[in-house]
C-alpha atoms as a PDB file:
ATOM      1  CA  MET A   1     -27.818   9.099   8.545  1.00  0.00           C
ATOM      2  CA  ALA A   2     -28.250   5.333   8.876  1.00  0.00           C
ATOM      3  CA  ASP A   3     -31.148   3.729   7.181  1.00  0.00           C
ATOM      4  CA  ILE A   4     -33.544   2.154   9.245  1.00  0.00           C
ATOM      5  CA  CYS A   5     -34.310  -1.349   8.363  1.00  0.00           C
ATOM      6  CA  THR A   6     -37.094  -3.969   9.341  1.00  0.00           C
ATOM      7  CA  GLN A   7     -36.323  -7.737   8.290  1.00  0.00           C
ATOM      8  CA  GLY A   8     -34.244  -6.039   5.190  1.00  0.00           C
ATOM      9  CA  VAL A   9     -36.947  -3.503   4.383  1.00  0.00           C
ATOM     10  CA  ASP A  10     -35.924   0.142   4.432  1.00  0.00           C
ATOM     11  CA  THR A  11     -38.650   1.760   6.840  1.00  0.00           C
ATOM     12  CA  GLY A  12     -36.837   5.120   7.739  1.00  0.00           C
ATOM     13  CA  PHE A  13     -40.283   6.960   7.287  1.00  0.00           C
ATOM     14  CA  VAL A  14     -41.732   5.434  10.554  1.00  0.00           C
ATOM     15  CA  GLY A  15     -39.131   7.217  12.713  1.00  0.00           C
ATOM     16  CA  LEU A  16     -39.922  10.718  11.298  1.00  0.00           C
ATOM     17  CA  GLY A  17     -43.485  10.974  12.576  1.00  0.00           C
ATOM     18  CA  PHE A  18     -46.482  12.737  11.184  1.00  0.00           C
ATOM     19  CA  ALA A  19     -45.390  16.137  10.446  1.00  0.00           C
ATOM     20  CA  LYS A  20     -42.211  15.187   8.728  1.00  0.00           C
ATOM     21  CA  VAL A  21     -43.872  12.561   6.867  1.00  0.00           C
ATOM     22  CA  ALA A  22     -46.740  15.091   5.658  1.00  0.00           C
ATOM     23  CA  PHE A  23     -44.178  17.409   4.530  1.00  0.00           C
ATOM     24  CA  LEU A  24     -42.275  14.542   2.423  1.00  0.00           C
ATOM     25  CA  GLY A  25     -45.589  13.461   1.208  1.00  0.00           C
ATOM     26  CA  LEU A  26     -46.236  16.953  -0.348  1.00  0.00           C
ATOM     27  CA  VAL A  27     -42.844  16.907  -1.982  1.00  0.00           C
ATOM     28  CA  GLN A  28     -43.311  13.336  -3.006  1.00  0.00           C
ATOM     29  CA  GLY A  29     -46.691  13.906  -4.459  1.00  0.00           C
ATOM     30  CA  ILE A  30     -45.220  17.077  -6.609  1.00  0.00           C
ATOM     31  CA  THR A  31     -42.262  15.290  -7.971  1.00  0.00           C
ATOM     32  CA  GLU A  32     -43.419  11.881  -8.524  1.00  0.00           C
ATOM     33  CA  LEU A  33     -45.458  12.877 -11.555  1.00  0.00           C
ATOM     34  CA  LEU A  34     -43.261  15.588 -12.769  1.00  0.00           C
ATOM     35  CA  PRO A  35     -40.103  14.666 -14.977  1.00  0.00           C
ATOM     36  CA  ILE A  36     -37.729  15.524 -12.247  1.00  0.00           C
ATOM     37  CA  SER A  37     -37.230  12.656 -10.200  1.00  0.00           C
ATOM     38  CA  SER A  38     -39.116  12.113  -6.796  1.00  0.00           C
ATOM     39  CA  THR A  39     -36.588   9.783  -5.555  1.00  0.00           C
ATOM     40  CA  ALA A  40     -33.724  12.502  -5.865  1.00  0.00           C
ATOM     41  CA  HIS A  41     -36.131  14.843  -4.079  1.00  0.00           C
ATOM     42  CA  MET A  42     -36.683  12.288  -1.229  1.00  0.00           C
ATOM     43  CA  ARG A  43     -32.881  12.010  -0.915  1.00  0.00           C
ATOM     44  CA  ILE A  44     -31.888  15.474  -0.954  1.00  0.00           C
ATOM     45  CA  VAL A  45     -34.782  17.203   1.033  1.00  0.00           C
ATOM     46  CA  PRO A  46     -34.390  14.998   4.261  1.00  0.00           C
ATOM     47  CA  ALA A  47     -30.284  15.397   3.837  1.00  0.00           C
ATOM     48  CA  VAL A  48     -30.499  19.220   3.526  1.00  0.00           C
ATOM     49  CA  LEU A  49     -33.198  19.300   6.608  1.00  0.00           C
ATOM     50  CA  GLY A  50     -30.980  16.946   8.667  1.00  0.00           C
ATOM     51  CA  TRP A  51     -33.993  14.170   8.702  1.00  0.00           C
ATOM     52  CA  GLN A  52     -33.752  10.335   8.510  1.00  0.00           C
ATOM     53  CA  ASP A  53     -33.779   9.044   4.860  1.00  0.00           C
ATOM     54  CA  PRO A  54     -37.598   8.019   4.600  1.00  0.00           C
ATOM     55  CA  GLY A  55     -36.319   4.768   2.791  1.00  0.00           C
ATOM     56  CA  SER A  56     -37.123   3.216  -0.467  1.00  0.00           C
ATOM     57  CA  ALA A  57     -40.234   1.721   0.952  1.00  0.00           C
ATOM     58  CA  PHE A  58     -41.781   4.945   1.564  1.00  0.00           C
ATOM     59  CA  SER A  59     -41.107   5.789  -2.124  1.00  0.00           C
ATOM     60  CA  ALA A  60     -42.353   2.876  -3.643  1.00  0.00           C
ATOM     61  CA  ALA A  61     -45.617   2.967  -1.605  1.00  0.00           C
ATOM     62  CA  MET A  62     -46.444   6.445  -2.602  1.00  0.00           C
ATOM     63  CA  GLN A  63     -47.008   4.967  -6.091  1.00  0.00           C
ATOM     64  CA  LEU A  64     -50.305   4.468  -4.791  1.00  0.00           C
ATOM     65  CA  ALA A  65     -50.741   8.264  -4.425  1.00  0.00           C
ATOM     66  CA  ALA A  66     -49.543   8.741  -7.837  1.00  0.00           C
ATOM     67  CA  LEU A  67     -52.045   6.161  -9.132  1.00  0.00           C
ATOM     68  CA  ALA A  68     -54.945   7.923  -7.493  1.00  0.00           C
ATOM     69  CA  ALA A  69     -53.928  11.157  -8.936  1.00  0.00           C
ATOM     70  CA  VAL A  70     -53.510   9.865 -12.496  1.00  0.00           C
ATOM     71  CA  VAL A  71     -56.783   7.797 -12.429  1.00  0.00           C
ATOM     72  CA  SER A  72     -58.800  10.991 -11.089  1.00  0.00           C
ATOM     73  CA  TYR A  73     -57.056  13.370 -13.328  1.00  0.00           C
ATOM     74  CA  PHE A  74     -57.470  11.386 -16.504  1.00  0.00           C
ATOM     75  CA  TRP A  75     -60.791   9.735 -15.521  1.00  0.00           C
ATOM     76  CA  GLY A  76     -62.540  10.034 -18.751  1.00  0.00           C
ATOM     77  CA  ASN A  77     -59.499   8.117 -20.674  1.00  0.00           C
ATOM     78  CA  VAL A  78     -59.416   5.610 -17.886  1.00  0.00           C
ATOM     79  CA  ARG A  79     -63.077   5.041 -18.119  1.00  0.00           C
ATOM     80  CA  ASP A  80     -63.037   4.635 -21.801  1.00  0.00           C
ATOM     81  CA  LEU A  81     -60.292   2.278 -21.877  1.00  0.00           C
ATOM     82  CA  LEU A  82     -61.716   0.022 -19.188  1.00  0.00           C
ATOM     83  CA  PHE A  83     -65.400  -0.105 -20.140  1.00  0.00           C
ATOM     84  CA  GLY A  84     -64.574   0.095 -23.808  1.00  0.00           C
ATOM     85  CA  SER A  85     -62.351  -2.849 -23.627  1.00  0.00           C
ATOM     86  CA  ILE A  86     -64.999  -4.934 -21.895  1.00  0.00           C
ATOM     87  CA  ASP A  87     -67.417  -3.842 -24.368  1.00  0.00           C
ATOM     88  CA  ALA A  88     -65.371  -4.746 -26.995  1.00  0.00           C
ATOM     89  CA  LEU A  89     -64.624  -8.309 -25.356  1.00  0.00           C
ATOM     90  CA  THR A  90     -68.257  -9.026 -25.007  1.00  0.00           C
ATOM     91  CA  ARG A  91     -68.688  -8.205 -28.650  1.00  0.00           C
ATOM     92  CA  ARG A  92     -65.525  -9.959 -29.551  1.00  0.00           C
ATOM     93  CA  ASP A  93     -64.501  -7.172 -31.408  1.00  0.00           C
ATOM     94  CA  PHE A  94     -60.561  -7.296 -31.119  1.00  0.00           C
ATOM     95  CA  ALA A  95     -60.063  -4.642 -33.491  1.00  0.00           C
ATOM     96  CA  ASP A  96     -61.873  -2.133 -31.267  1.00  0.00           C
ATOM     97  CA  ARG A  97     -59.246   0.903 -30.485  1.00  0.00           C
ATOM     98  CA  HIS A  98     -59.934   0.740 -26.912  1.00  0.00           C
ATOM     99  CA  PHE A  99     -59.273  -2.853 -26.635  1.00  0.00           C
ATOM    100  CA  GLN A 100     -56.311  -2.784 -28.747  1.00  0.00           C
ATOM    101  CA  LEU A 101     -54.782   0.443 -26.578  1.00  0.00           C
ATOM    102  CA  ALA A 102     -55.603  -1.590 -23.257  1.00  0.00           C
ATOM    103  CA  SER A 103     -53.922  -4.272 -24.589  1.00  0.00           C
ATOM    104  CA  TRP A 104     -50.998  -2.576 -25.659  1.00  0.00           C
ATOM    105  CA  ILE A 105     -50.391  -0.944 -22.335  1.00  0.00           C
ATOM    106  CA  VAL A 106     -50.566  -4.504 -20.539  1.00  0.00           C
ATOM    107  CA  LEU A 107     -47.868  -5.808 -22.967  1.00  0.00           C
ATOM    108  CA  ALA A 108     -45.707  -2.361 -22.548  1.00  0.00           C
ATOM    109  CA  THR A 109     -45.689  -3.214 -18.642  1.00  0.00           C
ATOM    110  CA  ILE A 110     -43.916  -6.640 -19.083  1.00  0.00           C
ATOM    111  CA  PRO A 111     -40.429  -5.105 -19.758  1.00  0.00           C
ATOM    112  CA  ILE A 112     -40.556  -3.344 -16.258  1.00  0.00           C
ATOM    113  CA  LEU A 113     -42.089  -6.260 -14.421  1.00  0.00           C
ATOM    114  CA  ILE A 114     -39.418  -8.585 -15.579  1.00  0.00           C
ATOM    115  CA  ALA A 115     -36.685  -6.081 -14.629  1.00  0.00           C
ATOM    116  CA  GLY A 116     -38.110  -5.368 -11.574  1.00  0.00           C
ATOM    117  CA  VAL A 117     -38.319  -8.803 -10.439  1.00  0.00           C
ATOM    118  CA  VAL A 118     -34.649  -9.352 -11.296  1.00  0.00           C
ATOM    119  CA  LEU A 119     -33.411  -6.390  -9.512  1.00  0.00           C
ATOM    120  CA  SER A 120     -35.855  -6.765  -6.503  1.00  0.00           C
ATOM    121  CA  GLY A 121     -33.195  -7.642  -4.363  1.00  0.00           C
ATOM    122  CA  VAL A 122     -31.334  -4.319  -4.889  1.00  0.00           C
ATOM    123  CA  LEU A 123     -34.109  -1.820  -5.577  1.00  0.00           C
ATOM    124  CA  ASN A 124     -35.712  -1.397  -2.083  1.00  0.00           C
ATOM    125  CA  ALA A 125     -32.891  -3.220   0.037  1.00  0.00           C
ATOM    126  CA  CYS A 126     -31.188  -1.148   2.803  1.00  0.00           C
ATOM    127  CA  ASN A 127     -28.453   0.714   1.928  1.00  0.00           C
ATOM    128  CA  SER A 128     -28.973   0.076  -1.750  1.00  0.00           C
ATOM    129  CA  PRO A 129     -26.096   1.450  -3.899  1.00  0.00           C
ATOM    130  CA  LEU A 130     -28.730   2.626  -6.271  1.00  0.00           C
ATOM    131  CA  ARG A 131     -30.057   5.090  -3.837  1.00  0.00           C
ATOM    132  CA  SER A 132     -26.612   6.918  -3.512  1.00  0.00           C
ATOM    133  CA  LEU A 133     -26.569  10.754  -4.198  1.00  0.00           C
ATOM    134  CA  SER A 134     -23.752  10.184  -6.977  1.00  0.00           C
ATOM    135  CA  VAL A 135     -26.049   7.816  -8.821  1.00  0.00           C
ATOM    136  CA  ILE A 136     -29.007  10.037  -8.723  1.00  0.00           C
ATOM    137  CA  GLY A 137     -27.104  13.086  -9.599  1.00  0.00           C
ATOM    138  CA  TRP A 138     -25.827  11.370 -12.949  1.00  0.00           C
ATOM    139  CA  ALA A 139     -29.070  10.126 -13.694  1.00  0.00           C
ATOM    140  CA  CYS A 140     -30.786  13.586 -13.464  1.00  0.00           C
ATOM    141  CA  ILE A 141     -28.089  15.128 -15.754  1.00  0.00           C
ATOM    142  CA  ALA A 142     -28.540  12.075 -18.227  1.00  0.00           C
ATOM    143  CA  MET A 143     -32.215  12.400 -18.449  1.00  0.00           C
ATOM    144  CA  ALA A 144     -31.923  16.253 -18.830  1.00  0.00           C
ATOM    145  CA  ILE A 145     -29.932  15.709 -21.657  1.00  0.00           C
ATOM    146  CA  LEU A 146     -32.032  13.252 -23.261  1.00  0.00           C
ATOM    147  CA  LEU A 147     -35.298  15.157 -22.638  1.00  0.00           C
ATOM    148  CA  ALA A 148     -33.324  18.179 -24.242  1.00  0.00           C
ATOM    149  CA  LEU A 149     -32.733  16.068 -27.338  1.00  0.00           C
ATOM    150  CA  ALA A 150     -36.174  14.896 -27.481  1.00  0.00           C
ATOM    151  CA  GLU A 151     -37.298  18.752 -27.354  1.00  0.00           C
ATOM    152  CA  ILE A 152     -34.839  19.805 -30.167  1.00  0.00           C
ATOM    153  CA  PHE A 153     -35.412  16.929 -32.536  1.00  0.00           C
ATOM    154  CA  ALA A 154     -38.824  15.776 -31.926  1.00  0.00           C
ATOM    155  CA  ARG A 155     -41.815  16.768 -34.309  1.00  0.00           C
ATOM    156  CA  HIS A 156     -44.608  17.080 -31.783  1.00  0.00           C
ATOM    157  CA  LYS A 157     -47.498  16.374 -33.963  1.00  0.00           C
ATOM    158  CA  ARG A 158     -48.772  12.916 -33.241  1.00  0.00           C
ATOM    159  CA  THR A 159     -51.804  12.122 -30.824  1.00  0.00           C
ATOM    160  CA  ILE A 160     -52.689   9.001 -28.745  1.00  0.00           C
ATOM    161  CA  GLY A 161     -55.324   8.075 -31.521  1.00  0.00           C
ATOM    162  CA  GLU A 162     -52.175   7.585 -33.866  1.00  0.00           C
ATOM    163  CA  ALA A 163     -50.132   5.380 -31.463  1.00  0.00           C
ATOM    164  CA  SER A 164     -49.309   2.061 -32.364  1.00  0.00           C
ATOM    165  CA  LEU A 165     -47.932  -1.145 -30.706  1.00  0.00           C
ATOM    166  CA  ALA A 166     -44.417  -0.259 -31.345  1.00  0.00           C
ATOM    167  CA  ASP A 167     -44.990   2.924 -29.744  1.00  0.00           C
ATOM    168  CA  ALA A 168     -46.432   1.650 -26.651  1.00  0.00           C
ATOM    169  CA  LEU A 169     -43.422  -1.245 -26.381  1.00  0.00           C
ATOM    170  CA  LEU A 170     -40.941   1.298 -26.860  1.00  0.00           C
ATOM    171  CA  VAL A 171     -42.363   3.757 -24.044  1.00  0.00           C
ATOM    172  CA  GLY A 172     -42.791   0.543 -22.110  1.00  0.00           C
ATOM    173  CA  VAL A 173     -38.904  -0.424 -22.592  1.00  0.00           C
ATOM    174  CA  ALA A 174     -38.059   3.166 -21.656  1.00  0.00           C
ATOM    175  CA  GLN A 175     -40.129   2.757 -18.566  1.00  0.00           C
ATOM    176  CA  VAL A 176     -37.629   0.287 -17.214  1.00  0.00           C
ATOM    177  CA  GLY A 177     -35.204   3.203 -16.841  1.00  0.00           C
ATOM    178  CA  ALA A 178     -37.409   4.377 -13.782  1.00  0.00           C
ATOM    179  CA  LEU A 179     -36.042   1.770 -11.724  1.00  0.00           C
ATOM    180  CA  ILE A 180     -32.802   3.761 -11.449  1.00  0.00           C
ATOM    181  CA  PRO A 181     -33.448   6.383  -8.840  1.00  0.00           C
ATOM    182  CA  GLY A 182     -32.918   9.727 -10.456  1.00  0.00           C
ATOM    183  CA  VAL A 183     -34.436   8.752 -13.871  1.00  0.00           C
ATOM    184  CA  SER A 184     -37.970   9.328 -12.910  1.00  0.00           C
ATOM    185  CA  ARG A 185     -40.919   7.323 -14.361  1.00  0.00           C
ATOM    186  CA  SER A 186     -42.547  10.430 -16.056  1.00  0.00           C
ATOM    187  CA  GLY A 187     -39.235  11.627 -17.333  1.00  0.00           C
ATOM    188  CA  SER A 188     -38.102   8.251 -19.085  1.00  0.00           C
ATOM    189  CA  THR A 189     -41.615   7.744 -20.695  1.00  0.00           C
ATOM    190  CA  LEU A 190     -42.265  11.293 -21.547  1.00  0.00           C
ATOM    191  CA  THR A 191     -38.952  11.406 -23.035  1.00  0.00           C
ATOM    192  CA  ALA A 192     -39.660   8.331 -25.012  1.00  0.00           C
ATOM    193  CA  ALA A 193     -43.094   9.616 -26.219  1.00  0.00           C
ATOM    194  CA  LEU A 194     -41.745  12.965 -27.339  1.00  0.00           C
ATOM    195  CA  GLY A 195     -38.904  11.508 -29.090  1.00  0.00           C
ATOM    196  CA  LEU A 196     -41.645   9.253 -30.980  1.00  0.00           C
ATOM    197  CA  GLY A 197     -43.200  12.671 -32.347  1.00  0.00           C
ATOM    198  CA  PHE A 198     -46.226  12.986 -29.968  1.00  0.00           C
ATOM    199  CA  LYS A 199     -47.423  16.333 -29.022  1.00  0.00           C
ATOM    200  CA  ARG A 200     -46.344  17.506 -25.723  1.00  0.00           C
ATOM    201  CA  ALA A 201     -49.589  17.088 -23.770  1.00  0.00           C
ATOM    202  CA  GLU A 202     -50.278  14.059 -25.727  1.00  0.00           C
ATOM    203  CA  ALA A 203     -47.146  12.493 -24.922  1.00  0.00           C
ATOM    204  CA  ALA A 204     -47.594  13.079 -21.108  1.00  0.00           C
ATOM    205  CA  ARG A 205     -51.152  11.420 -21.456  1.00  0.00           C
ATOM    206  CA  PHE A 206     -49.860   8.560 -23.062  1.00  0.00           C
ATOM    207  CA  SER A 207     -46.849   8.132 -20.542  1.00  0.00           C
ATOM    208  CA  PHE A 208     -49.476   8.300 -17.575  1.00  0.00           C
ATOM    209  CA  LEU A 209     -52.020   6.010 -18.977  1.00  0.00           C
ATOM    210  CA  LEU A 210     -49.167   3.401 -20.101  1.00  0.00           C
ATOM    211  CA  GLY A 211     -47.580   3.863 -16.721  1.00  0.00           C
ATOM    212  CA  LEU A 212     -50.777   2.786 -14.775  1.00  0.00           C
ATOM    213  CA  PRO A 213     -50.412  -0.930 -14.458  1.00  0.00           C
ATOM    214  CA  ALA A 214     -46.814  -0.681 -13.325  1.00  0.00           C
ATOM    215  CA  ILE A 215     -47.563   2.160 -10.640  1.00  0.00           C
ATOM    216  CA  ALA A 216     -50.403   0.175  -9.193  1.00  0.00           C
ATOM    217  CA  LEU A 217     -48.255  -3.145  -9.021  1.00  0.00           C
ATOM    218  CA  ALA A 218     -45.073  -1.256  -7.497  1.00  0.00           C
ATOM    219  CA  GLY A 219     -47.373   0.293  -4.744  1.00  0.00           C
ATOM    220  CA  LEU A 220     -49.407  -2.898  -3.980  1.00  0.00           C
ATOM    221  CA  LYS A 221     -46.227  -4.951  -3.873  1.00  0.00           C
ATOM    222  CA  GLU A 222     -44.669  -2.470  -1.393  1.00  0.00           C
ATOM    223  CA  LEU A 223     -47.778  -2.434   1.099  1.00  0.00           C
ATOM    224  CA  TRP A 224     -47.504  -6.397   0.899  1.00  0.00           C
ATOM    225  CA  GLU A 225     -43.636  -6.066   1.856  1.00  0.00           C
ATOM    226  CA  LEU A 226     -44.505  -3.815   4.696  1.00  0.00           C
ATOM    227  CA  HIS A 227     -47.282  -6.237   5.625  1.00  0.00           C
ATOM    228  CA  LYS A 228     -44.957  -9.084   5.763  1.00  0.00           C
ATOM    229  CA  VAL A 229     -42.427  -7.413   7.965  1.00  0.00           C
ATOM    230  CA  HIS A 230     -45.386  -6.710  10.397  1.00  0.00           C
ATOM    231  CA  LEU A 231     -45.221  -2.862  10.020  1.00  0.00           C
ATOM    232  CA  ASP A 232     -47.152  -1.726  13.492  1.00  0.00           C
ATOM    233  CA  ALA A 233     -50.351   0.531  13.628  1.00  0.00           C
ATOM    234  CA  HIS A 234     -48.268   3.567  14.193  1.00  0.00           C
ATOM    235  CA  GLY A 235     -46.215   2.875  10.839  1.00  0.00           C
ATOM    236  CA  TRP A 236     -49.401   2.281   8.828  1.00  0.00           C
ATOM    237  CA  SER A 237     -51.000   5.445  10.258  1.00  0.00           C
ATOM    238  CA  VAL A 238     -47.728   7.591   9.341  1.00  0.00           C
ATOM    239  CA  LEU A 239     -47.765   6.013   5.878  1.00  0.00           C
ATOM    240  CA  GLY A 240     -51.399   6.675   5.269  1.00  0.00           C
ATOM    241  CA  LEU A 241     -51.145  10.361   6.126  1.00  0.00           C
ATOM    242  CA  GLY A 242     -48.168  10.477   3.854  1.00  0.00           C
ATOM    243  CA  LEU A 243     -50.223   8.805   1.003  1.00  0.00           C
ATOM    244  CA  LEU A 244     -53.262  11.149   1.555  1.00  0.00           C
ATOM    245  CA  VAL A 245     -51.084  14.418   1.402  1.00  0.00           C
ATOM    246  CA  ALA A 246     -49.085  13.066  -1.643  1.00  0.00           C
ATOM    247  CA  SER A 247     -52.454  12.104  -3.588  1.00  0.00           C
ATOM    248  CA  ILE A 248     -53.705  15.624  -3.275  1.00  0.00           C
ATOM    249  CA  SER A 249     -50.412  17.377  -4.234  1.00  0.00           C
ATOM    250  CA  ALA A 250     -49.868  14.843  -6.956  1.00  0.00           C
ATOM    251  CA  PHE A 251     -53.206  15.620  -8.646  1.00  0.00           C
ATOM    252  CA  PHE A 252     -52.291  19.429  -8.920  1.00  0.00           C
ATOM    253  CA  ALA A 253     -48.894  18.566 -10.019  1.00  0.00           C
ATOM    254  CA  ILE A 254     -50.335  16.761 -13.196  1.00  0.00           C
ATOM    255  CA  TRP A 255     -52.657  19.811 -13.546  1.00  0.00           C
ATOM    256  CA  GLY A 256     -49.657  22.093 -13.651  1.00  0.00           C
ATOM    257  CA  LEU A 257     -47.432  19.800 -15.829  1.00  0.00           C
ATOM    258  CA  MET A 258     -50.208  19.670 -18.461  1.00  0.00           C
ATOM    259  CA  ARG A 259     -50.543  23.440 -18.394  1.00  0.00           C
ATOM    260  CA  VAL A 260     -46.713  23.995 -19.101  1.00  0.00           C
ATOM    261  CA  LEU A 261     -46.686  21.259 -21.833  1.00  0.00           C
ATOM    262  CA  GLU A 262     -49.735  22.645 -23.534  1.00  0.00           C
ATOM    263  CA  ARG A 263     -48.699  26.260 -23.401  1.00  0.00           C
ATOM    264  CA  PHE A 264     -44.767  26.158 -23.472  1.00  0.00           C
ATOM    265  CA  SER A 265     -42.409  23.066 -23.604  1.00  0.00           C
ATOM    266  CA  ALA A 266     -40.516  20.587 -21.441  1.00  0.00           C
ATOM    267  CA  TRP A 267     -37.482  23.134 -21.363  1.00  0.00           C
ATOM    268  CA  PRO A 268     -38.225  24.260 -17.550  1.00  0.00           C
ATOM    269  CA  PHE A 269     -38.028  20.651 -16.455  1.00  0.00           C
ATOM    270  CA  VAL A 270     -34.659  19.951 -18.538  1.00  0.00           C
ATOM    271  CA  ILE A 271     -32.874  22.977 -16.856  1.00  0.00           C
ATOM    272  CA  TYR A 272     -34.504  22.076 -13.314  1.00  0.00           C
ATOM    273  CA  ARG A 273     -33.236  18.520 -13.221  1.00  0.00           C
ATOM    274  CA  GLY A 274     -29.872  19.456 -15.076  1.00  0.00           C
ATOM    275  CA  LEU A 275     -29.223  21.981 -12.160  1.00  0.00           C
ATOM    276  CA  LEU A 276     -30.605  19.561  -9.448  1.00  0.00           C
ATOM    277  CA  GLY A 277     -28.108  16.860 -10.951  1.00  0.00           C
ATOM    278  CA  VAL A 278     -25.003  19.236 -10.702  1.00  0.00           C
ATOM    279  CA  VAL A 279     -26.004  20.439  -7.256  1.00  0.00           C
ATOM    280  CA  LEU A 280     -26.179  16.753  -6.103  1.00  0.00           C
ATOM    281  CA  LEU A 281     -22.819  15.849  -7.478  1.00  0.00           C
ATOM    282  CA  LEU A 282     -21.311  18.937  -5.998  1.00  0.00           C
ATOM    283  CA  GLY A 283     -22.828  18.429  -2.671  1.00  0.00           C
ATOM    284  CA  VAL A 284     -21.293  15.205  -2.571  1.00  0.00           C
ATOM    285  CA  ALA A 285     -17.919  16.057  -3.876  1.00  0.00           C
ATOM    286  CA  MET A 286     -17.762  18.964  -1.338  1.00  0.00           C
ATOM    287  CA  GLY A 287     -19.063  17.004   1.655  1.00  0.00           C
ATOM    288  CA  TRP A 288     -22.263  18.914   2.121  1.00  0.00           C
ATOM    289  CA  LEU A 289     -24.413  15.804   1.205  1.00  0.00           C
ATOM    290  CA  VAL A 290     -24.028  12.362   2.259  1.00  0.00           C
END
C-alpha cells in the first residue's frame, strides 16, 4: 500500500477514518509502553487487515498518549521529582536527591535529541527505509536476544534510590535505539536498566521516568510538523480520537506490565517479540506482508 504524503509528512492515518484509527489507537496504546515495539504492530496490523499504513506521523504523535499514561500512572514519582526539584532550587540544595535525579534525566535525554535531529530527514519521511518490515523484524529479534541476556545475567537487586548519573546516561544512550522502528523505547531502556542490575519493576519505573522528556518532545514535535503542513480539521479530529483511545489503553498497559514484572519476569515479552520478528521476516520472504 502506498503511503499518503502531505508536503513530505507521512499522514496515512487521515484516510483510515475514525473507526479504524480508534482501533489502531487501542493497539498503539497497548504496545507503545510494553517492550514489544508499537511500530512493528502499526505496520503488521494494517498490513494483515488490508488497511492503509497509518504512517510515521501517527506513531510519533501517539507519544503524547504515552506521556499522559506515564504521568498519570507514576504521578507520585513525577510530582516528587518536579516539586522536589523546585524546592531544592529555592533552597540552593543541589545535593537534593530529587534535584539530582531530575537533572540526570535531562542530561540522559541529550543523546536521543542529537540523534533525532541528525536522523530527522529519514525517521518520519514518507517511504522511510527504516519502516520496512524487514528492518522491524530484525530489530524485534535483536532486542529479544538482548532482553533475554539481561534476564539471564542481571542481578535484579537495585532500586531507583541507588541510581547514579552513569546509570541514567547509559539508559539514555540505550534510548537512542528506540529511533529504529522495531526496537521499542520501553524495550531498549528496560533492557539497559535490567542490565545495570535494577529490580524488574524498578527498571521499568526508571526507564519510564527517564523517557518522559523524550516522549513529550517527540509528540509535540510531530504535532508541530502536522500544523506546518496545515492538517485540516478532519485530520485533527481523527488524530484526537486516536490519542484519546491510546491514552486509556496505554495506562492499562503500564498496569499490566508492572504486574508481570513484579510477579514474574520479562520472559513473556522476550518470547513474544522474538516470535513477532520471525513472523515478520517470514511474511516478507513468503510475500504475505509487504
